[in-house]
Protein backbone atom coordinates (compact mmCIF):
# COMPACT_ATOMS: atom_id res chain seq x y z
CA MET A 1 107.96 67.47 85.96
CA LYS A 2 106.46 64.02 86.37
CA GLY A 3 105.09 63.33 89.83
CA SER A 4 104.89 66.98 90.82
CA VAL A 5 101.94 68.21 92.82
CA THR A 6 100.02 71.42 92.24
CA VAL A 7 98.33 72.82 95.31
CA SER A 8 95.56 75.41 95.52
CA VAL A 9 94.20 76.76 98.78
CA ALA A 10 90.62 78.02 99.16
CA ILE A 11 89.67 80.15 102.14
CA ALA A 12 86.19 81.43 102.91
CA THR A 13 86.08 84.25 105.44
CA TYR A 14 83.79 86.68 107.21
CA ASN A 15 84.91 89.32 109.73
CA ARG A 16 88.22 87.59 110.46
CA ALA A 17 90.86 90.19 109.55
CA GLY A 18 93.53 88.79 111.87
CA MET A 19 92.76 85.16 111.26
CA VAL A 20 92.64 85.44 107.46
CA ARG A 21 96.11 86.98 107.48
CA GLN A 22 97.38 84.06 109.58
CA ALA A 23 95.69 81.51 107.31
CA ILE A 24 97.23 83.03 104.17
CA GLU A 25 100.68 83.29 105.73
CA ALA A 26 100.45 79.68 106.92
CA ALA A 27 99.53 78.52 103.41
CA ILE A 28 102.48 80.41 101.90
CA ASP A 29 104.89 78.95 104.47
CA GLN A 30 104.04 75.30 103.72
CA THR A 31 106.76 72.90 102.60
CA CYS A 32 104.84 72.54 99.33
CA PRO A 33 103.63 76.12 98.77
CA PRO A 34 100.43 76.61 96.80
CA GLU A 35 100.26 77.74 93.20
CA GLU A 36 97.31 79.92 94.18
CA ILE A 37 95.40 81.02 97.24
CA VAL A 38 91.79 81.98 96.59
CA VAL A 39 89.97 83.89 99.32
CA ALA A 40 86.24 84.62 99.23
CA ASP A 41 85.13 87.36 101.61
CA ASP A 42 81.45 87.09 102.55
CA ALA A 43 80.87 90.88 102.69
CA SER A 44 82.80 91.43 105.92
CA THR A 45 81.99 94.54 107.92
CA ASP A 46 85.38 94.72 109.66
CA SER A 47 88.79 95.33 108.06
CA THR A 48 89.00 91.91 106.40
CA TRP A 49 88.67 93.31 102.87
CA ALA A 50 91.37 95.93 103.52
CA VAL A 51 93.72 93.25 104.87
CA LEU A 52 93.08 91.08 101.81
CA ASN A 53 93.81 93.98 99.45
CA GLU A 54 97.03 94.76 101.32
CA LEU A 55 98.19 91.15 101.13
CA ALA A 56 97.15 90.74 97.48
CA ALA A 57 99.22 93.78 96.50
CA GLY A 58 102.38 91.95 97.54
CA GLU A 59 101.48 88.34 96.74
CA PRO A 60 100.78 87.42 93.09
CA ARG A 61 99.45 83.98 94.04
CA LEU A 62 96.64 85.53 96.09
CA ARG A 63 93.29 85.99 94.35
CA ILE A 64 90.56 87.72 96.35
CA PHE A 65 86.84 88.00 95.81
CA ARG A 66 84.19 89.85 97.79
CA ARG A 67 80.50 89.04 97.81
CA PRO A 68 78.26 92.12 97.54
CA ARG A 69 76.18 90.95 100.51
CA ASN A 70 76.58 88.38 103.24
CA SER A 71 75.39 84.91 102.24
CA GLY A 72 75.43 83.35 105.69
CA GLY A 73 78.37 81.09 104.90
CA VAL A 74 77.54 78.12 102.71
CA GLU A 75 77.14 80.11 99.50
CA ASN A 76 80.50 81.76 100.10
CA TRP A 77 82.25 78.40 99.66
């Protein structure tokens, strides 16, 4: 369709289980929902990775990645 917009959302996270859920749900609920949501987990030590797996199981647009060790932030983007 001419003039259509494709939206992708990128989220970098570390130890933010509750907040990452809110961020993903907010992206999905937008007026122009994203084609994909890509989340990079920077080797969280809390339940962030479990939350991401739970959400990804029910949301085909969600792609999740986990770094093997914490990068300190910038590299995770």
